[in-house]
Amino acid sequence: MPIIKSHAQREFVLIPNIAVRDNRLSLKARGLHHYLLSLPTDWEISIASLSREMLEGKDAIRSAFTELFELNYVVRKRYHNQKGHADWIYHIFQKPDYIVV
């Protein structure tokens, strides 16, 4: 599942204070958000691969994604890959409430 990030950087990630201090998010969701922003644009993500990278289990990562989806820090769109299979593209935003075109 590829990631599409707004304002991608290479060696560092800038995170607006609104995202760091958003008290609607758990610390777990903030950490996942910041980690996703730090990944390269072509990075393939999955719950299983993230749970291997981090100390959190699959359920914790899934619940963090749920928080990020609900507040529009992460939006996913379904598409059909080159083999015709349905897959997801994840749009990771530095601030919430962006509209994906």
C-alpha atoms as a PDB file:
ATOM      1  CA  MET A   1       0.000   0.000   0.000  1.00  0.00           C
ATOM      2  CA  PRO A   2       1.803   3.145  -1.140  1.00  0.00           C
ATOM      3  CA  ILE A   3       1.845   6.349   0.884  1.00  0.00           C
ATOM      4  CA  ILE A   4       1.111   9.770  -0.570  1.00  0.00           C
ATOM      5  CA  LYS A   5       2.352  12.554   1.695  1.00  0.00           C
ATOM      6  CA  SER A   6       1.794  16.250   1.539  1.00  0.00           C
ATOM      7  CA  HIS A   7       5.056  18.245   1.332  1.00  0.00           C
ATOM      8  CA  ALA A   8       7.371  15.232   1.453  1.00  0.00           C
ATOM      9  CA  GLN A   9      10.881  15.820   2.796  1.00  0.00           C
ATOM     10  CA  ARG A  10      13.938  13.561   2.521  1.00  0.00           C
ATOM     11  CA  GLU A  11      16.185  13.803   5.561  1.00  0.00           C
ATOM     12  CA  PHE A  12      13.722  15.114   8.114  1.00  0.00           C
ATOM     13  CA  VAL A  13      10.041  15.661   8.679  1.00  0.00           C
ATOM     14  CA  LEU A  14       8.399  18.895   9.765  1.00  0.00           C
ATOM     15  CA  ILE A  15       5.361  18.335  11.930  1.00  0.00           C
ATOM     16  CA  PRO A  16       3.068  21.267  12.688  1.00  0.00           C
ATOM     17  CA  ASN A  17       2.370  21.890  16.353  1.00  0.00           C
ATOM     18  CA  ILE A  18      -1.332  21.279  15.734  1.00  0.00           C
ATOM     19  CA  ALA A  19      -0.529  17.624  14.983  1.00  0.00           C
ATOM     20  CA  VAL A  20       1.889  17.247  17.894  1.00  0.00           C
ATOM     21  CA  ARG A  21      -0.481  18.867  20.408  1.00  0.00           C
ATOM     22  CA  ASP A  22      -3.826  17.546  19.125  1.00  0.00           C
ATOM     23  CA  ASN A  23      -5.397  16.251  22.349  1.00  0.00           C
ATOM     24  CA  ARG A  24      -8.023  14.354  20.350  1.00  0.00           C
ATOM     25  CA  LEU A  25      -5.290  11.837  19.475  1.00  0.00           C
ATOM     26  CA  SER A  26      -3.718   9.324  21.801  1.00  0.00           C
ATOM     27  CA  LEU A  27       0.031   9.369  22.143  1.00  0.00           C
ATOM     28  CA  LYS A  28       0.044   6.070  20.239  1.00  0.00           C
ATOM     29  CA  ALA A  29      -1.807   7.630  17.269  1.00  0.00           C
ATOM     30  CA  ARG A  30       0.474  10.685  17.317  1.00  0.00           C
ATOM     31  CA  GLY A  31       3.529   8.428  17.248  1.00  0.00           C
ATOM     32  CA  LEU A  32       2.177   6.416  14.331  1.00  0.00           C
ATOM     33  CA  HIS A  33       1.311   9.603  12.457  1.00  0.00           C
ATOM     34  CA  HIS A  34       4.775  11.047  12.942  1.00  0.00           C
ATOM     35  CA  TYR A  35       6.399   7.745  11.979  1.00  0.00           C
ATOM     36  CA  LEU A  36       4.317   7.549   8.769  1.00  0.00           C
ATOM     37  CA  LEU A  37       5.341  11.098   7.839  1.00  0.00           C
ATOM     38  CA  SER A  38       8.991  10.072   8.176  1.00  0.00           C
ATOM     39  CA  LEU A  39       8.722   7.188   5.681  1.00  0.00           C
ATOM     40  CA  PRO A  40       9.737   7.520   2.020  1.00  0.00           C
ATOM     41  CA  THR A  41       6.902   8.224  -0.414  1.00  0.00           C
ATOM     42  CA  ASP A  42       7.136   4.806  -2.091  1.00  0.00           C
ATOM     43  CA  TRP A  43       7.105   2.875   1.202  1.00  0.00           C
ATOM     44  CA  GLU A  44       4.699  -0.064   1.285  1.00  0.00           C
ATOM     45  CA  ILE A  45       2.852  -0.227   4.601  1.00  0.00           C
ATOM     46  CA  SER A  46       0.707  -2.856   6.278  1.00  0.00           C
ATOM     47  CA  ILE A  47      -0.431  -3.507   9.816  1.00  0.00           C
ATOM     48  CA  ALA A  48       1.802  -6.597   9.911  1.00  0.00           C
ATOM     49  CA  SER A  49       4.925  -4.768   8.727  1.00  0.00           C
ATOM     50  CA  LEU A  50       4.346  -1.865  11.125  1.00  0.00           C
ATOM     51  CA  SER A  51       3.931  -4.245  14.058  1.00  0.00           C
ATOM     52  CA  ARG A  52       7.293  -5.819  13.175  1.00  0.00           C
ATOM     53  CA  GLU A  53       8.928  -2.354  13.026  1.00  0.00           C
ATOM     54  CA  MET A  54       7.458  -1.102  16.304  1.00  0.00           C
ATOM     55  CA  LEU A  55       6.901  -2.462  19.780  1.00  0.00           C
ATOM     56  CA  GLU A  56       3.126  -2.219  19.346  1.00  0.00           C
ATOM     57  CA  GLY A  57       0.990  -5.162  18.333  1.00  0.00           C
ATOM     58  CA  LYS A  58      -1.390  -5.312  15.391  1.00  0.00           C
ATOM     59  CA  ASP A  59      -4.431  -4.331  17.479  1.00  0.00           C
ATOM     60  CA  ALA A  60      -2.695  -1.227  18.850  1.00  0.00           C
ATOM     61  CA  ILE A  61      -1.615  -0.143  15.371  1.00  0.00           C
ATOM     62  CA  ARG A  62      -5.096  -0.789  13.993  1.00  0.00           C
ATOM     63  CA  SER A  63      -6.682   1.351  16.738  1.00  0.00           C
ATOM     64  CA  ALA A  64      -4.139   4.143  16.130  1.00  0.00           C
ATOM     65  CA  PHE A  65      -5.050   4.085  12.425  1.00  0.00           C
ATOM     66  CA  THR A  66      -8.728   4.307  13.377  1.00  0.00           C
ATOM     67  CA  GLU A  67      -8.039   7.525  15.312  1.00  0.00           C
ATOM     68  CA  LEU A  68      -6.050   8.960  12.408  1.00  0.00           C
ATOM     69  CA  PHE A  69      -8.812   8.044   9.911  1.00  0.00           C
ATOM     70  CA  GLU A  70     -11.531   9.588  12.084  1.00  0.00           C
ATOM     71  CA  LEU A  71      -9.723  12.935  12.289  1.00  0.00           C
ATOM     72  CA  ASN A  72      -8.532  12.950   8.648  1.00  0.00           C
ATOM     73  CA  TYR A  73      -4.820  12.800   9.380  1.00  0.00           C
ATOM     74  CA  VAL A  74      -4.831   9.676   7.200  1.00  0.00           C
ATOM     75  CA  VAL A  75      -7.217   9.046   4.326  1.00  0.00           C
ATOM     76  CA  ARG A  76      -7.161   5.888   2.292  1.00  0.00           C
ATOM     77  CA  LYS A  77      -8.489   5.419  -1.201  1.00  0.00           C
ATOM     78  CA  ARG A  78      -9.179   2.115  -2.910  1.00  0.00           C
ATOM     79  CA  TYR A  79      -7.708   1.521  -6.353  1.00  0.00           C
ATOM     80  CA  HIS A  80      -6.946  -1.381  -8.671  1.00  0.00           C
ATOM     81  CA  ASN A  81      -3.258  -2.203  -9.062  1.00  0.00           C
ATOM     82  CA  GLN A  82      -1.524  -3.278 -12.289  1.00  0.00           C
ATOM     83  CA  LYS A  83      -2.624  -6.871 -11.756  1.00  0.00           C
ATOM     84  CA  GLY A  84      -6.256  -5.754 -11.401  1.00  0.00           C
ATOM     85  CA  HIS A  85      -6.410  -6.451  -7.673  1.00  0.00           C
ATOM     86  CA  ALA A  86      -8.045  -3.993  -5.295  1.00  0.00           C
ATOM     87  CA  ASP A  87      -5.542  -2.211  -3.042  1.00  0.00           C
ATOM     88  CA  TRP A  88      -5.316   0.936  -0.924  1.00  0.00           C
ATOM     89  CA  ILE A  89      -3.351   4.174  -1.232  1.00  0.00           C
ATOM     90  CA  TYR A  90      -2.783   5.965   2.056  1.00  0.00           C
ATOM     91  CA  HIS A  91      -2.688   9.780   2.057  1.00  0.00           C
ATOM     92  CA  ILE A  92      -0.813  11.030   5.126  1.00  0.00           C
ATOM     93  CA  PHE A  93      -1.393  14.675   6.040  1.00  0.00           C
ATOM     94  CA  GLN A  94       0.638  16.879   8.347  1.00  0.00           C
ATOM     95  CA  LYS A  95      -2.543  18.563   9.604  1.00  0.00           C
ATOM     96  CA  PRO A  96      -6.079  17.141   9.829  1.00  0.00           C
ATOM     97  CA  ASP A  97      -9.144  17.868   7.720  1.00  0.00           C
ATOM     98  CA  TYR A  98      -7.542  17.973   4.286  1.00  0.00           C
ATOM     99  CA  ILE A  99      -9.679  17.002   1.337  1.00  0.00           C
ATOM    100  CA  VAL A 100      -8.156  14.459  -1.075  1.00  0.00           C
ATOM    101  CA  VAL A 101      -9.005  15.130  -4.705  1.00  0.00           C
END
